[in-house]
Structure formats: structure tokens, C-alpha cells
Amino acid sequence: MPLPPVVILACGNPSRGDDALGPLLLERLQSWLDASATGAGCELLGDFQLQIEHALDLVGRRLLLFIDAGQQTPAPFVFRQAQAADGVAHSTHALTPEALLAVLLRIDHEPPPPAFVLCVRGESFALGEDLSAAAASHADAAFELLEALLRRPELDYWQSLLSR
């Protein structure tokens, strides 16, 4: 069975306030995909953080999207394209999307597929806190973008929506 051409990898810790934005958006997206029957060409993956092993989830895809929360991110979100970054320091603990793309390049020996990052502004990341009202509002705006992206999973279209 072939892999879905689009993979969305969301990161975040639901126990740390607005760090839950990635998992919450992924859950909401799964419900939307199920209801709209749009998701046949899309695989959704979630984890607390990006790991070296996630590079294997990216092999053979056509488009990649990383979703995460950010503290210093302009509100409501930033949508940008990511490139493999050689020389990015990493451990076996966590990676940036750029470092993960560099790992993919080393293991697959092919240029990584086009990759994008949706970083949603969070306000409070303390352990045990709920999602802030501001982050919930930012998530609503980000979800509108996600719907648009998955209605047209095409590189040119995604690039036309990049944050300026």
C-alpha cells in the first residue's frame, strides 16, 4: 500500500498550556478530515517533539507540514517553508524541522520533499495550565489555513500562502 503523499507532523505537550496547540490542531484536523472525506492523501502524526526517528516517516512523501507552538511567534501564526540545514546541532532528544530534513537527506540520499512549518503563537507554557484564550483564538486562525492547505495539497498553492 503506497504512503499518503502528504504528512503532517504536529509536536507539543498537552500538559504544558499552549504547548498543546500542535496536538489540539492535529486532533481537530483529523475530525475535519474524517467528516469531509478529504484525508485520503494525508497522514497525521503527533509526538511531544521531533526525533531523529521521524525522518523515516518522511521518506517517500510529496509534501511535509510541521505544526508546533511558539512563544515569540507573531500572532496568530507564521507559515513558512523549511529547508534542510546542514550543521544544525542536535542530540537524540529533539530536533528542529530543518535538522530533521537534514537527517532525511543523509538517510534517503535524495533531496527532502518540500517542507513547511506552521508555528502558532502561544502565550503560556507552564506545566498543568490549560490552553490560553489567546492561543485558542490563534488556533482557530491556523485551522482555517490548514483547511485551505489540505483542500489544495499543491506546492505552488502552499507557497502562495506563506507568511510575508
C-alpha atoms as a PDB file:
ATOM      1  CA  MET A   1       0.000   0.000   0.000  1.00  0.00           C
ATOM      2  CA  PRO A   2       1.538   3.351  -1.013  1.00  0.00           C
ATOM      3  CA  LEU A   3       2.166   6.028   1.580  1.00  0.00           C
ATOM      4  CA  PRO A   4      -0.081   9.102   1.568  1.00  0.00           C
ATOM      5  CA  PRO A   5       1.760  11.852  -0.313  1.00  0.00           C
ATOM      6  CA  VAL A   6       1.269  14.479   2.438  1.00  0.00           C
ATOM      7  CA  VAL A   7       2.393  14.011   6.021  1.00  0.00           C
ATOM      8  CA  ILE A   8       1.605  16.401   8.854  1.00  0.00           C
ATOM      9  CA  LEU A   9       3.707  16.056  11.982  1.00  0.00           C
ATOM     10  CA  ALA A  10       2.484  18.050  14.983  1.00  0.00           C
ATOM     11  CA  CYS A  11       4.509  18.459  18.159  1.00  0.00           C
ATOM     12  CA  GLY A  12       3.617  19.600  21.638  1.00  0.00           C
ATOM     13  CA  ASN A  13       2.911  18.625  25.205  1.00  0.00           C
ATOM     14  CA  PRO A  14      -0.778  18.751  26.155  1.00  0.00           C
ATOM     15  CA  SER A  15       0.219  19.140  29.820  1.00  0.00           C
ATOM     16  CA  ARG A  16       2.047  22.433  29.217  1.00  0.00           C
ATOM     17  CA  GLY A  17      -0.591  25.047  28.481  1.00  0.00           C
ATOM     18  CA  ASP A  18      -0.261  26.471  24.993  1.00  0.00           C
ATOM     19  CA  ASP A  19       2.293  23.826  24.020  1.00  0.00           C
ATOM     20  CA  ALA A  20      -0.842  21.747  23.392  1.00  0.00           C
ATOM     21  CA  LEU A  21      -1.533  23.743  20.210  1.00  0.00           C
ATOM     22  CA  GLY A  22       0.105  21.179  17.897  1.00  0.00           C
ATOM     23  CA  PRO A  23      -1.735  18.128  19.282  1.00  0.00           C
ATOM     24  CA  LEU A  24      -5.024  20.040  19.513  1.00  0.00           C
ATOM     25  CA  LEU A  25      -4.804  21.197  15.903  1.00  0.00           C
ATOM     26  CA  LEU A  26      -3.911  17.672  14.800  1.00  0.00           C
ATOM     27  CA  GLU A  27      -6.935  16.252  16.614  1.00  0.00           C
ATOM     28  CA  ARG A  28      -9.215  18.907  15.146  1.00  0.00           C
ATOM     29  CA  LEU A  29      -7.752  18.282  11.704  1.00  0.00           C
ATOM     30  CA  GLN A  30      -8.364  14.537  11.994  1.00  0.00           C
ATOM     31  CA  SER A  31     -12.034  15.171  12.828  1.00  0.00           C
ATOM     32  CA  TRP A  32     -12.362  17.546   9.876  1.00  0.00           C
ATOM     33  CA  LEU A  33     -10.687  15.077   7.515  1.00  0.00           C
ATOM     34  CA  ASP A  34     -12.933  12.245   8.701  1.00  0.00           C
ATOM     35  CA  ALA A  35     -16.072  14.354   8.257  1.00  0.00           C
ATOM     36  CA  SER A  36     -15.107  15.753   4.860  1.00  0.00           C
ATOM     37  CA  ALA A  37     -13.526  12.581   3.426  1.00  0.00           C
ATOM     38  CA  THR A  38     -10.640  14.780   2.270  1.00  0.00           C
ATOM     39  CA  GLY A  39      -7.843  12.982   4.073  1.00  0.00           C
ATOM     40  CA  ALA A  40      -7.123  10.008   1.821  1.00  0.00           C
ATOM     41  CA  GLY A  41      -3.851  11.574   0.676  1.00  0.00           C
ATOM     42  CA  CYS A  42      -2.764  12.744   4.105  1.00  0.00           C
ATOM     43  CA  GLU A  43      -1.184  11.096   7.143  1.00  0.00           C
ATOM     44  CA  LEU A  44      -1.288  12.814  10.527  1.00  0.00           C
ATOM     45  CA  LEU A  45       1.391  12.096  13.120  1.00  0.00           C
ATOM     46  CA  GLY A  46       1.815  13.561  16.586  1.00  0.00           C
ATOM     47  CA  ASP A  47       4.530  13.488  19.215  1.00  0.00           C
ATOM     48  CA  PHE A  48       5.889  15.580  22.072  1.00  0.00           C
ATOM     49  CA  GLN A  49       8.870  16.687  19.954  1.00  0.00           C
ATOM     50  CA  LEU A  50      10.660  15.888  16.717  1.00  0.00           C
ATOM     51  CA  GLN A  51      13.044  12.938  16.991  1.00  0.00           C
ATOM     52  CA  ILE A  52      15.649  11.539  14.608  1.00  0.00           C
ATOM     53  CA  GLU A  53      13.368   8.543  14.031  1.00  0.00           C
ATOM     54  CA  HIS A  54      10.720  10.815  12.498  1.00  0.00           C
ATOM     55  CA  ALA A  55      12.928  11.132   9.407  1.00  0.00           C
ATOM     56  CA  LEU A  56      11.719   7.663   8.428  1.00  0.00           C
ATOM     57  CA  ASP A  57       8.113   8.932   8.466  1.00  0.00           C
ATOM     58  CA  LEU A  58       9.053  11.499   5.810  1.00  0.00           C
ATOM     59  CA  VAL A  59      10.602   9.143   3.232  1.00  0.00           C
ATOM     60  CA  GLY A  60       8.600   8.883   0.018  1.00  0.00           C
ATOM     61  CA  ARG A  61       6.305  11.856   0.644  1.00  0.00           C
ATOM     62  CA  ARG A  62       5.437  14.723  -1.702  1.00  0.00           C
ATOM     63  CA  LEU A  63       4.712  17.488   0.866  1.00  0.00           C
ATOM     64  CA  LEU A  64       5.569  17.849   4.554  1.00  0.00           C
ATOM     65  CA  LEU A  65       3.999  20.077   7.189  1.00  0.00           C
ATOM     66  CA  PHE A  66       5.259  20.561  10.731  1.00  0.00           C
ATOM     67  CA  ILE A  67       2.937  22.129  13.319  1.00  0.00           C
ATOM     68  CA  ASP A  68       4.159  23.495  16.646  1.00  0.00           C
ATOM     69  CA  ALA A  69       3.565  26.286  19.146  1.00  0.00           C
ATOM     70  CA  GLY A  70       5.973  29.185  19.523  1.00  0.00           C
ATOM     71  CA  GLN A  71       6.448  31.740  22.292  1.00  0.00           C
ATOM     72  CA  GLN A  72       7.937  34.569  20.251  1.00  0.00           C
ATOM     73  CA  THR A  73       5.915  33.847  17.114  1.00  0.00           C
ATOM     74  CA  PRO A  74       3.976  36.784  15.646  1.00  0.00           C
ATOM     75  CA  ALA A  75       0.237  36.349  16.256  1.00  0.00           C
ATOM     76  CA  PRO A  76      -1.683  34.437  15.201  1.00  0.00           C
ATOM     77  CA  PHE A  77       0.890  32.214  13.418  1.00  0.00           C
ATOM     78  CA  VAL A  78       3.753  32.040  10.954  1.00  0.00           C
ATOM     79  CA  PHE A  79       3.596  29.776   7.934  1.00  0.00           C
ATOM     80  CA  ARG A  80       6.986  29.322   6.295  1.00  0.00           C
ATOM     81  CA  GLN A  81       8.909  26.951   4.085  1.00  0.00           C
ATOM     82  CA  ALA A  82      11.746  24.953   5.678  1.00  0.00           C
ATOM     83  CA  GLN A  83      14.968  23.712   4.118  1.00  0.00           C
ATOM     84  CA  ALA A  84      17.386  21.038   5.307  1.00  0.00           C
ATOM     85  CA  ALA A  85      20.069  22.751   7.375  1.00  0.00           C
ATOM     86  CA  ASP A  86      23.453  21.048   7.437  1.00  0.00           C
ATOM     87  CA  GLY A  87      25.478  21.516  10.555  1.00  0.00           C
ATOM     88  CA  VAL A  88      22.469  22.023  12.801  1.00  0.00           C
ATOM     89  CA  ALA A  89      23.410  20.743  16.235  1.00  0.00           C
ATOM     90  CA  HIS A  90      21.135  18.066  17.597  1.00  0.00           C
ATOM     91  CA  SER A  91      21.054  15.338  20.152  1.00  0.00           C
ATOM     92  CA  THR A  92      18.931  12.239  20.319  1.00  0.00           C
ATOM     93  CA  HIS A  93      16.424  14.302  22.324  1.00  0.00           C
ATOM     94  CA  ALA A  94      14.794  16.790  19.941  1.00  0.00           C
ATOM     95  CA  LEU A  95      15.265  18.399  16.531  1.00  0.00           C
ATOM     96  CA  THR A  96      14.098  21.411  14.571  1.00  0.00           C
ATOM     97  CA  PRO A  97      12.254  20.740  11.306  1.00  0.00           C
ATOM     98  CA  GLU A  98      15.376  21.895   9.427  1.00  0.00           C
ATOM     99  CA  ALA A  99      17.589  19.429  11.321  1.00  0.00           C
ATOM    100  CA  LEU A 100      15.103  16.609  10.704  1.00  0.00           C
ATOM    101  CA  LEU A 101      15.168  17.383   6.983  1.00  0.00           C
ATOM    102  CA  ALA A 102      18.977  17.169   7.090  1.00  0.00           C
ATOM    103  CA  VAL A 103      18.699  13.742   8.737  1.00  0.00           C
ATOM    104  CA  LEU A 104      16.281  12.681   5.995  1.00  0.00           C
ATOM    105  CA  LEU A 105      18.768  13.826   3.349  1.00  0.00           C
ATOM    106  CA  ARG A 106      21.510  11.728   4.964  1.00  0.00           C
ATOM    107  CA  ILE A 107      19.438   8.549   5.200  1.00  0.00           C
ATOM    108  CA  ASP A 108      17.465   8.799   1.954  1.00  0.00           C
ATOM    109  CA  HIS A 109      20.239  10.337  -0.227  1.00  0.00           C
ATOM    110  CA  GLU A 110      17.531  12.269  -2.073  1.00  0.00           C
ATOM    111  CA  PRO A 111      16.545  15.888  -1.589  1.00  0.00           C
ATOM    112  CA  PRO A 112      13.763  16.113   1.008  1.00  0.00           C
ATOM    113  CA  PRO A 113      10.290  16.879  -0.294  1.00  0.00           C
ATOM    114  CA  PRO A 114       9.066  20.453   0.078  1.00  0.00           C
ATOM    115  CA  ALA A 115       8.510  21.126   3.766  1.00  0.00           C
ATOM    116  CA  PHE A 116       6.548  23.791   5.589  1.00  0.00           C
ATOM    117  CA  VAL A 117       6.237  24.911   9.195  1.00  0.00           C
ATOM    118  CA  LEU A 118       3.084  26.242  10.822  1.00  0.00           C
ATOM    119  CA  CYS A 119       4.146  27.832  14.105  1.00  0.00           C
ATOM    120  CA  VAL A 120       1.174  29.049  16.145  1.00  0.00           C
ATOM    121  CA  ARG A 121       1.724  31.684  18.798  1.00  0.00           C
ATOM    122  CA  GLY A 122       1.332  30.512  22.359  1.00  0.00           C
ATOM    123  CA  GLU A 123       1.337  32.710  25.446  1.00  0.00           C
ATOM    124  CA  SER A 124       1.798  30.417  28.431  1.00  0.00           C
ATOM    125  CA  PHE A 125       3.654  27.103  28.549  1.00  0.00           C
ATOM    126  CA  ALA A 126       3.584  26.270  32.264  1.00  0.00           C
ATOM    127  CA  LEU A 127       3.076  22.689  33.371  1.00  0.00           C
ATOM    128  CA  GLY A 128      -0.535  21.943  34.300  1.00  0.00           C
ATOM    129  CA  GLU A 129      -2.055  25.035  32.669  1.00  0.00           C
ATOM    130  CA  ASP A 130      -4.940  24.955  30.227  1.00  0.00           C
ATOM    131  CA  LEU A 131      -4.828  26.440  26.755  1.00  0.00           C
ATOM    132  CA  SER A 132      -4.965  30.240  26.986  1.00  0.00           C
ATOM    133  CA  ALA A 133      -7.801  32.182  25.369  1.00  0.00           C
ATOM    134  CA  ALA A 134      -5.305  33.918  23.066  1.00  0.00           C
ATOM    135  CA  ALA A 135      -3.835  30.587  21.926  1.00  0.00           C
ATOM    136  CA  ALA A 136      -7.330  29.208  21.274  1.00  0.00           C
ATOM    137  CA  SER A 137      -8.011  32.197  19.034  1.00  0.00           C
ATOM    138  CA  HIS A 138      -4.685  31.711  17.234  1.00  0.00           C
ATOM    139  CA  ALA A 139      -5.549  28.027  16.757  1.00  0.00           C
ATOM    140  CA  ASP A 140      -8.819  28.999  15.059  1.00  0.00           C
ATOM    141  CA  ALA A 141      -6.923  31.179  12.573  1.00  0.00           C
ATOM    142  CA  ALA A 142      -4.352  28.424  11.994  1.00  0.00           C
ATOM    143  CA  PHE A 143      -7.086  25.868  11.418  1.00  0.00           C
ATOM    144  CA  GLU A 144      -8.523  27.971   8.588  1.00  0.00           C
ATOM    145  CA  LEU A 145      -5.108  27.808   6.936  1.00  0.00           C
ATOM    146  CA  LEU A 146      -4.907  24.043   7.484  1.00  0.00           C
ATOM    147  CA  GLU A 147      -8.270  23.558   5.792  1.00  0.00           C
ATOM    148  CA  ALA A 148      -7.094  25.577   2.801  1.00  0.00           C
ATOM    149  CA  LEU A 149      -3.808  23.653   2.587  1.00  0.00           C
ATOM    150  CA  LEU A 150      -5.494  20.270   2.594  1.00  0.00           C
ATOM    151  CA  ARG A 151      -8.150  21.290   0.102  1.00  0.00           C
ATOM    152  CA  ARG A 152      -5.272  22.013  -2.312  1.00  0.00           C
ATOM    153  CA  PRO A 153      -2.178  19.971  -1.401  1.00  0.00           C
ATOM    154  CA  GLU A 154      -0.067  21.522  -4.157  1.00  0.00           C
ATOM    155  CA  LEU A 155       3.392  23.055  -3.752  1.00  0.00           C
ATOM    156  CA  ASP A 156       2.622  26.252  -5.703  1.00  0.00           C
ATOM    157  CA  TYR A 157      -0.549  26.861  -3.726  1.00  0.00           C
ATOM    158  CA  TRP A 158       1.143  26.283  -0.363  1.00  0.00           C
ATOM    159  CA  GLN A 159       3.940  28.655  -1.370  1.00  0.00           C
ATOM    160  CA  SER A 160       1.365  31.305  -2.310  1.00  0.00           C
ATOM    161  CA  LEU A 161       0.105  31.235   1.311  1.00  0.00           C
ATOM    162  CA  LEU A 162       3.481  31.737   3.003  1.00  0.00           C
ATOM    163  CA  SER A 163       3.679  34.437   5.689  1.00  0.00           C
ATOM    164  CA  ARG A 164       5.190  37.574   4.290  1.00  0.00           C
END
